[in-house]
Amino acid sequence: MVMAAVGFGSAAIDKVKAQAAANAGNGDWTSLDFAGWSSASHEIARAAYNALPHVPACGVGKADGGTIDKAYVDGFEDKVDGQLSAAALRLSLILADALG
């Protein structure tokens, strides 16, 4: 999903930088609320899990979630892209603070 959302190489880096710069004033992206970040990521993971074609039962043998197709990946592309870009911005803020 990460590759589908962001891509790879210099174009992907430029895309993440542009999104981080565009959201530098967004309180949701710049808040140092670690619990909030974790909760938001968990909700995306839950939604992705529940959207599997065959949701496997937790703790029951080998998971068989079925085939993940392009429509499934496309459905989460914006969320994954946003989370990665927000993480890049948050990391830069933490490093700037730590390194003064």
N, C-alpha and C. Protein backbone atom coordinates (compact mmCIF):
# COMPACT_ATOMS: atom_id res chain seq x y z
N MET A 1 0.81 -1.18 0.00
CA MET A 1 0.00 0.00 0.00
C MET A 1 0.86 1.26 0.00
N VAL A 2 1.99 1.18 0.67
CA VAL A 2 2.87 2.35 0.73
C VAL A 2 3.34 2.72 -0.66
N MET A 3 3.77 1.74 -1.43
CA MET A 3 4.25 2.02 -2.78
C MET A 3 3.12 2.59 -3.64
N ALA A 4 1.92 2.08 -3.49
CA ALA A 4 0.80 2.59 -4.26
C ALA A 4 0.45 4.00 -3.85
N ALA A 5 0.56 4.30 -2.57
CA ALA A 5 0.17 5.62 -2.06
C ALA A 5 1.20 6.69 -2.40
N VAL A 6 2.46 6.37 -2.21
CA VAL A 6 3.50 7.39 -2.35
C VAL A 6 4.38 7.16 -3.57
N GLY A 7 4.62 5.92 -3.91
CA GLY A 7 5.54 5.62 -5.00
C GLY A 7 6.92 5.39 -4.43
N PHE A 8 7.95 5.66 -5.23
CA PHE A 8 9.31 5.49 -4.74
C PHE A 8 10.23 6.44 -5.50
N GLY A 9 11.44 6.58 -5.00
CA GLY A 9 12.42 7.44 -5.65
C GLY A 9 12.22 8.91 -5.33
N SER A 10 12.89 9.74 -6.10
CA SER A 10 12.87 11.18 -5.84
C SER A 10 11.48 11.79 -6.00
N ALA A 11 10.67 11.26 -6.89
CA ALA A 11 9.31 11.78 -7.06
C ALA A 11 8.49 11.57 -5.80
N ALA A 12 8.68 10.42 -5.16
CA ALA A 12 7.95 10.14 -3.91
C ALA A 12 8.41 11.07 -2.80
N ILE A 13 9.70 11.30 -2.73
CA ILE A 13 10.23 12.21 -1.70
C ILE A 13 9.69 13.61 -1.93
N ASP A 14 9.68 14.06 -3.16
CA ASP A 14 9.15 15.39 -3.48
C ASP A 14 7.67 15.50 -3.13
N LYS A 15 6.93 14.44 -3.38
CA LYS A 15 5.49 14.43 -3.07
C LYS A 15 5.26 14.55 -1.57
N VAL A 16 6.01 13.79 -0.78
CA VAL A 16 5.86 13.83 0.68
C VAL A 16 6.27 15.20 1.21
N LYS A 17 7.37 15.76 0.70
CA LYS A 17 7.82 17.09 1.12
C LYS A 17 6.76 18.15 0.83
N ALA A 18 6.17 18.07 -0.36
CA ALA A 18 5.15 19.05 -0.74
C ALA A 18 3.92 18.96 0.16
N GLN A 19 3.49 17.75 0.47
CA GLN A 19 2.34 17.59 1.35
C GLN A 19 2.66 18.05 2.77
N ALA A 20 3.85 17.75 3.24
CA ALA A 20 4.24 18.18 4.59
C ALA A 20 4.30 19.70 4.64
N ALA A 21 4.86 20.33 3.63
CA ALA A 21 4.94 21.79 3.60
C ALA A 21 3.54 22.42 3.53
N ALA A 22 2.67 21.81 2.76
CA ALA A 22 1.31 22.34 2.62
C ALA A 22 0.51 22.22 3.92
N ASN A 23 0.88 21.28 4.77
CA ASN A 23 0.14 21.05 6.02
C ASN A 23 0.90 21.49 7.26
N ALA A 24 1.95 22.28 7.08
CA ALA A 24 2.78 22.71 8.21
C ALA A 24 1.98 23.48 9.25
N GLY A 25 0.90 24.11 8.85
CA GLY A 25 0.06 24.85 9.79
C GLY A 25 -1.14 24.07 10.28
N ASN A 26 -1.26 22.84 9.87
CA ASN A 26 -2.40 21.99 10.22
C ASN A 26 -2.15 21.40 11.62
N GLY A 27 -2.96 21.79 12.58
CA GLY A 27 -2.78 21.34 13.95
C GLY A 27 -2.83 19.83 14.11
N ASP A 28 -3.61 19.13 13.29
CA ASP A 28 -3.66 17.67 13.37
C ASP A 28 -2.32 17.06 12.95
N TRP A 29 -1.63 17.72 12.04
CA TRP A 29 -0.36 17.20 11.54
C TRP A 29 0.81 17.60 12.43
N THR A 30 0.70 18.72 13.12
CA THR A 30 1.84 19.24 13.88
C THR A 30 1.73 19.00 15.38
N SER A 31 0.61 18.52 15.83
CA SER A 31 0.43 18.23 17.25
C SER A 31 1.39 17.11 17.67
N LEU A 32 1.96 17.25 18.84
CA LEU A 32 2.84 16.20 19.36
C LEU A 32 2.05 15.26 20.28
N ASP A 33 0.89 14.87 19.81
CA ASP A 33 0.00 13.97 20.54
C ASP A 33 0.26 12.54 20.07
N PHE A 34 1.22 11.88 20.72
CA PHE A 34 1.62 10.54 20.30
C PHE A 34 0.45 9.55 20.38
N ALA A 35 -0.36 9.66 21.41
CA ALA A 35 -1.50 8.75 21.56
C ALA A 35 -2.49 8.98 20.41
N GLY A 36 -2.68 10.23 20.03
CA GLY A 36 -3.57 10.55 18.92
C GLY A 36 -3.07 9.98 17.60
N TRP A 37 -1.76 10.08 17.37
CA TRP A 37 -1.17 9.51 16.15
C TRP A 37 -1.41 8.01 16.11
N SER A 38 -1.14 7.37 17.23
CA SER A 38 -1.30 5.92 17.32
C SER A 38 -2.76 5.53 17.08
N SER A 39 -3.66 6.26 17.67
CA SER A 39 -5.08 5.96 17.52
C SER A 39 -5.53 6.12 16.06
N ALA A 40 -5.07 7.19 15.41
CA ALA A 40 -5.44 7.41 14.00
C ALA A 40 -4.90 6.29 13.11
N SER A 41 -3.66 5.89 13.35
CA SER A 41 -3.08 4.80 12.57
C SER A 41 -3.81 3.49 12.82
N HIS A 42 -4.19 3.26 14.08
CA HIS A 42 -4.92 2.05 14.44
C HIS A 42 -6.27 2.00 13.73
N GLU A 43 -6.94 3.11 13.66
CA GLU A 43 -8.25 3.15 12.99
C GLU A 43 -8.12 2.83 11.50
N ILE A 44 -7.06 3.33 10.87
CA ILE A 44 -6.82 3.01 9.45
C ILE A 44 -6.54 1.52 9.30
N ALA A 45 -5.73 0.97 10.19
CA ALA A 45 -5.42 -0.47 10.14
C ALA A 45 -6.68 -1.31 10.34
N ARG A 46 -7.53 -0.90 11.27
CA ARG A 46 -8.80 -1.63 11.49
C ARG A 46 -9.68 -1.59 10.25
N ALA A 47 -9.78 -0.42 9.64
CA ALA A 47 -10.60 -0.28 8.43
C ALA A 47 -10.04 -1.14 7.30
N ALA A 48 -8.71 -1.14 7.16
CA ALA A 48 -8.07 -1.95 6.11
C ALA A 48 -8.31 -3.44 6.37
N TYR A 49 -8.20 -3.85 7.61
CA TYR A 49 -8.44 -5.25 7.97
C TYR A 49 -9.89 -5.63 7.68
N ASN A 50 -10.81 -4.80 8.11
CA ASN A 50 -12.24 -5.11 7.93
C ASN A 50 -12.68 -5.05 6.47
N ALA A 51 -11.89 -4.39 5.63
CA ALA A 51 -12.22 -4.30 4.20
C ALA A 51 -11.66 -5.48 3.40
N LEU A 52 -10.93 -6.38 4.06
CA LEU A 52 -10.42 -7.55 3.36
C LEU A 52 -11.58 -8.36 2.79
N PRO A 53 -11.37 -9.00 1.64
CA PRO A 53 -12.45 -9.79 1.04
C PRO A 53 -12.96 -10.90 1.96
N HIS A 54 -12.07 -11.54 2.69
CA HIS A 54 -12.43 -12.59 3.64
C HIS A 54 -11.71 -12.27 4.94
N VAL A 55 -12.40 -11.63 5.86
CA VAL A 55 -11.77 -11.23 7.11
C VAL A 55 -11.46 -12.47 7.93
N PRO A 56 -10.15 -12.70 8.20
CA PRO A 56 -9.78 -13.89 8.97
C PRO A 56 -10.12 -13.72 10.45
N ALA A 57 -10.48 -14.81 11.07
CA ALA A 57 -10.75 -14.78 12.51
C ALA A 57 -9.44 -14.60 13.26
N CYS A 58 -9.44 -13.77 14.24
CA CYS A 58 -8.24 -13.49 15.01
C CYS A 58 -7.82 -14.71 15.82
N GLY A 59 -6.55 -15.10 15.69
CA GLY A 59 -5.99 -16.18 16.48
C GLY A 59 -6.42 -17.57 16.07
N VAL A 60 -7.03 -17.71 14.91
CA VAL A 60 -7.50 -19.02 14.47
C VAL A 60 -6.71 -19.46 13.25
N GLY A 61 -5.63 -20.17 13.48
CA GLY A 61 -4.84 -20.71 12.38
C GLY A 61 -4.25 -19.64 11.48
N LYS A 62 -3.96 -20.06 10.25
CA LYS A 62 -3.35 -19.19 9.27
C LYS A 62 -4.40 -18.26 8.67
N ALA A 63 -4.06 -16.98 8.58
CA ALA A 63 -4.98 -16.01 8.00
C ALA A 63 -5.07 -16.21 6.49
N ASP A 64 -6.28 -16.15 5.96
CA ASP A 64 -6.50 -16.20 4.53
C ASP A 64 -7.44 -15.06 4.19
N GLY A 65 -6.87 -13.88 4.00
CA GLY A 65 -7.67 -12.69 3.73
C GLY A 65 -8.11 -12.57 2.30
N GLY A 66 -7.79 -13.55 1.47
CA GLY A 66 -8.18 -13.49 0.08
C GLY A 66 -7.19 -12.66 -0.72
N THR A 67 -7.55 -12.40 -1.95
CA THR A 67 -6.69 -11.62 -2.84
C THR A 67 -6.98 -10.14 -2.66
N ILE A 68 -5.92 -9.39 -2.49
CA ILE A 68 -6.06 -7.94 -2.38
C ILE A 68 -5.90 -7.37 -3.78
N ASP A 69 -6.94 -6.72 -4.27
CA ASP A 69 -6.91 -6.20 -5.63
C ASP A 69 -6.65 -4.69 -5.65
N LYS A 70 -6.57 -4.14 -6.83
CA LYS A 70 -6.28 -2.72 -7.01
C LYS A 70 -7.34 -1.84 -6.34
N ALA A 71 -8.58 -2.24 -6.40
CA ALA A 71 -9.65 -1.44 -5.79
C ALA A 71 -9.44 -1.34 -4.27
N TYR A 72 -9.01 -2.43 -3.65
CA TYR A 72 -8.74 -2.42 -2.20
C TYR A 72 -7.61 -1.45 -1.89
N VAL A 73 -6.52 -1.56 -2.62
CA VAL A 73 -5.36 -0.68 -2.40
C VAL A 73 -5.74 0.76 -2.67
N ASP A 74 -6.43 1.02 -3.76
CA ASP A 74 -6.84 2.39 -4.10
C ASP A 74 -7.74 2.99 -3.03
N GLY A 75 -8.52 2.16 -2.37
CA GLY A 75 -9.43 2.64 -1.33
C GLY A 75 -8.71 3.20 -0.11
N PHE A 76 -7.47 2.82 0.09
CA PHE A 76 -6.71 3.29 1.24
C PHE A 76 -5.53 4.18 0.86
N GLU A 77 -5.38 4.44 -0.42
CA GLU A 77 -4.23 5.21 -0.90
C GLU A 77 -4.13 6.59 -0.25
N ASP A 78 -5.21 7.33 -0.22
CA ASP A 78 -5.16 8.69 0.36
C ASP A 78 -4.85 8.66 1.85
N LYS A 79 -5.42 7.71 2.56
CA LYS A 79 -5.17 7.63 4.01
C LYS A 79 -3.71 7.27 4.30
N VAL A 80 -3.18 6.30 3.57
CA VAL A 80 -1.79 5.90 3.77
C VAL A 80 -0.85 7.04 3.38
N ASP A 81 -1.14 7.66 2.27
CA ASP A 81 -0.34 8.80 1.80
C ASP A 81 -0.33 9.91 2.84
N GLY A 82 -1.50 10.23 3.37
CA GLY A 82 -1.60 11.28 4.38
C GLY A 82 -0.85 10.93 5.65
N GLN A 83 -0.96 9.68 6.10
CA GLN A 83 -0.26 9.26 7.32
C GLN A 83 1.26 9.35 7.14
N LEU A 84 1.76 8.92 5.99
CA LEU A 84 3.20 8.98 5.75
C LEU A 84 3.70 10.41 5.67
N SER A 85 2.94 11.27 5.03
CA SER A 85 3.35 12.67 4.93
C SER A 85 3.29 13.35 6.29
N ALA A 86 2.26 13.06 7.05
CA ALA A 86 2.16 13.62 8.40
C ALA A 86 3.31 13.12 9.26
N ALA A 87 3.67 11.86 9.13
CA ALA A 87 4.79 11.30 9.90
C ALA A 87 6.09 12.01 9.54
N ALA A 88 6.28 12.32 8.28
CA ALA A 88 7.50 13.03 7.86
C ALA A 88 7.55 14.41 8.50
N LEU A 89 6.43 15.11 8.50
CA LEU A 89 6.38 16.44 9.12
C LEU A 89 6.61 16.34 10.62
N ARG A 90 5.98 15.40 11.26
CA ARG A 90 6.14 15.23 12.72
C ARG A 90 7.58 14.89 13.08
N LEU A 91 8.19 14.01 12.30
CA LEU A 91 9.59 13.66 12.56
C LEU A 91 10.48 14.87 12.42
N SER A 92 10.25 15.69 11.42
CA SER A 92 11.07 16.89 11.24
C SER A 92 10.91 17.84 12.42
N LEU A 93 9.70 17.96 12.95
CA LEU A 93 9.46 18.83 14.11
C LEU A 93 10.16 18.27 15.35
N ILE A 94 10.09 16.98 15.55
CA ILE A 94 10.73 16.36 16.71
C ILE A 94 12.25 16.51 16.62
N LEU A 95 12.81 16.27 15.44
CA LEU A 95 14.26 16.40 15.26
C LEU A 95 14.71 17.85 15.43
N ALA A 96 13.94 18.77 14.87
CA ALA A 96 14.30 20.19 15.03
C ALA A 96 14.31 20.59 16.48
N ASP A 97 13.34 20.10 17.24
CA ASP A 97 13.27 20.40 18.66
C ASP A 97 14.43 19.75 19.42
N ALA A 98 14.72 18.52 19.10
CA ALA A 98 15.78 17.79 19.80
C ALA A 98 17.18 18.33 19.49
N LEU A 99 17.36 18.77 18.25
CA LEU A 99 18.68 19.23 17.83
C LEU A 99 18.86 20.73 17.95
N GLY A 100 17.75 21.39 18.32
CA GLY A 100 17.79 22.84 18.54
C GLY A 100 18.09 23.60 17.32
